[in-house]
Amino acid sequence: MTVPLNELVISGVPTTTQYHEMILEIEDFVNGNVDTGFIPKHADQLTDPPPPKTRSLQLYFFDAPSSELTSSCIR
């Protein structure tokens, strides 16, 4: 689940991605010790989300007249 969350890109609306990433790091969750009381039991570990990740997108452009491949990085 960590890989899909890290690859997820949603813009324009708030998401709970960081919250889910924090849940994935809790030892009880990793060990499968999860029940309907999981969130209240671990509320102290779920209060401060980490800062948003800076994501980069590498774009490649093909310049037809010169037949050169160039790249540009967007942050």
C-alpha atoms as a PDB file:
ATOM      1  CA  MET A   1       0.000   0.000   0.000  1.00  0.00           C
ATOM      2  CA  THR A   2       2.937   2.338   0.550  1.00  0.00           C
ATOM      3  CA  VAL A   3       3.961   2.383  -3.113  1.00  0.00           C
ATOM      4  CA  PRO A   4       0.515   3.328  -4.453  1.00  0.00           C
ATOM      5  CA  LEU A   5       0.190   6.079  -1.826  1.00  0.00           C
ATOM      6  CA  ASN A   6       3.616   7.434  -2.751  1.00  0.00           C
ATOM      7  CA  GLU A   7       2.717   7.427  -6.439  1.00  0.00           C
ATOM      8  CA  LEU A   8      -0.705   8.999  -5.923  1.00  0.00           C
ATOM      9  CA  VAL A   9      -1.008  12.500  -7.363  1.00  0.00           C
ATOM     10  CA  ILE A  10      -4.216  14.441  -6.731  1.00  0.00           C
ATOM     11  CA  SER A  11      -4.356  18.183  -7.085  1.00  0.00           C
ATOM     12  CA  GLY A  12      -6.977  20.793  -6.410  1.00  0.00           C
ATOM     13  CA  VAL A  13      -8.667  19.062  -3.477  1.00  0.00           C
ATOM     14  CA  PRO A  14      -7.496  18.048   0.002  1.00  0.00           C
ATOM     15  CA  THR A  15      -6.822  14.345   0.586  1.00  0.00           C
ATOM     16  CA  THR A  16      -6.158  12.027   3.525  1.00  0.00           C
ATOM     17  CA  THR A  17      -3.078  10.495   1.905  1.00  0.00           C
ATOM     18  CA  GLN A  18      -0.693  11.655   4.648  1.00  0.00           C
ATOM     19  CA  TYR A  19      -3.028  10.277   7.314  1.00  0.00           C
ATOM     20  CA  HIS A  20      -3.011   6.866   5.626  1.00  0.00           C
ATOM     21  CA  GLU A  21       0.782   6.961   5.319  1.00  0.00           C
ATOM     22  CA  MET A  22       1.019   7.541   9.088  1.00  0.00           C
ATOM     23  CA  ILE A  23      -1.305   4.583   9.759  1.00  0.00           C
ATOM     24  CA  LEU A  24       0.901   2.321   7.621  1.00  0.00           C
ATOM     25  CA  GLU A  25       3.881   3.117   9.877  1.00  0.00           C
ATOM     26  CA  ILE A  26       2.188   2.111  13.153  1.00  0.00           C
ATOM     27  CA  GLU A  27       3.545  -1.207  14.431  1.00  0.00           C
ATOM     28  CA  ASP A  28       0.114  -2.574  15.377  1.00  0.00           C
ATOM     29  CA  PHE A  29      -1.129  -1.983  11.827  1.00  0.00           C
ATOM     30  CA  VAL A  30       1.962  -3.629  10.327  1.00  0.00           C
ATOM     31  CA  ASN A  31       1.425  -6.659  12.578  1.00  0.00           C
ATOM     32  CA  GLY A  32      -2.279  -6.896  11.737  1.00  0.00           C
ATOM     33  CA  ASN A  33      -3.483  -5.837  15.181  1.00  0.00           C
ATOM     34  CA  VAL A  34      -6.364  -3.771  13.838  1.00  0.00           C
ATOM     35  CA  ASP A  35      -9.939  -3.519  15.050  1.00  0.00           C
ATOM     36  CA  THR A  36     -12.676  -0.903  15.198  1.00  0.00           C
ATOM     37  CA  GLY A  37     -10.861   0.819  18.065  1.00  0.00           C
ATOM     38  CA  PHE A  38      -7.576   1.207  16.168  1.00  0.00           C
ATOM     39  CA  ILE A  39      -7.885   4.951  15.454  1.00  0.00           C
ATOM     40  CA  PRO A  40      -8.827   5.967  19.020  1.00  0.00           C
ATOM     41  CA  LYS A  41      -6.081   3.714  20.454  1.00  0.00           C
ATOM     42  CA  HIS A  42      -3.451   5.364  18.258  1.00  0.00           C
ATOM     43  CA  ALA A  43      -4.825   8.909  18.190  1.00  0.00           C
ATOM     44  CA  ASP A  44      -1.620  10.249  19.767  1.00  0.00           C
ATOM     45  CA  GLN A  45       0.396   8.861  16.817  1.00  0.00           C
ATOM     46  CA  LEU A  46      -1.978  10.332  14.241  1.00  0.00           C
ATOM     47  CA  THR A  47      -2.073  13.967  15.314  1.00  0.00           C
ATOM     48  CA  ASP A  48       0.764  15.626  13.390  1.00  0.00           C
ATOM     49  CA  PRO A  49       0.966  14.687   9.726  1.00  0.00           C
ATOM     50  CA  PRO A  50       4.373  14.954   8.114  1.00  0.00           C
ATOM     51  CA  PRO A  51       4.963  17.898   5.788  1.00  0.00           C
ATOM     52  CA  PRO A  52       3.697  17.382   2.247  1.00  0.00           C
ATOM     53  CA  LYS A  53       6.132  15.660  -0.060  1.00  0.00           C
ATOM     54  CA  THR A  54       7.595  17.554  -2.946  1.00  0.00           C
ATOM     55  CA  ARG A  55       6.924  15.600  -6.063  1.00  0.00           C
ATOM     56  CA  SER A  56       8.671  16.024  -9.373  1.00  0.00           C
ATOM     57  CA  LEU A  57       7.376  15.089 -12.763  1.00  0.00           C
ATOM     58  CA  GLN A  58       9.875  14.480 -15.539  1.00  0.00           C
ATOM     59  CA  LEU A  59       8.510  15.354 -18.962  1.00  0.00           C
ATOM     60  CA  TYR A  60      10.152  14.496 -22.264  1.00  0.00           C
ATOM     61  CA  PHE A  61       9.550  16.508 -25.393  1.00  0.00           C
ATOM     62  CA  PHE A  62      10.355  15.377 -28.893  1.00  0.00           C
ATOM     63  CA  ASP A  63      11.363  18.224 -31.121  1.00  0.00           C
ATOM     64  CA  ALA A  64      10.356  16.974 -34.585  1.00  0.00           C
ATOM     65  CA  PRO A  65      12.370  19.383 -36.766  1.00  0.00           C
ATOM     66  CA  SER A  66      15.690  18.666 -35.048  1.00  0.00           C
ATOM     67  CA  SER A  67      14.841  15.111 -33.961  1.00  0.00           C
ATOM     68  CA  GLU A  68      16.207  15.741 -30.472  1.00  0.00           C
ATOM     69  CA  LEU A  69      14.812  14.448 -27.210  1.00  0.00           C
ATOM     70  CA  THR A  70      14.811  17.059 -24.463  1.00  0.00           C
ATOM     71  CA  SER A  71      13.525  16.932 -20.908  1.00  0.00           C
ATOM     72  CA  SER A  72      12.057  19.367 -18.464  1.00  0.00           C
ATOM     73  CA  CYS A  73      11.410  18.993 -14.746  1.00  0.00           C
ATOM     74  CA  ILE A  74       8.232  20.359 -13.148  1.00  0.00           C
ATOM     75  CA  ARG A  75       7.910  20.699  -9.374  1.00  0.00           C
END
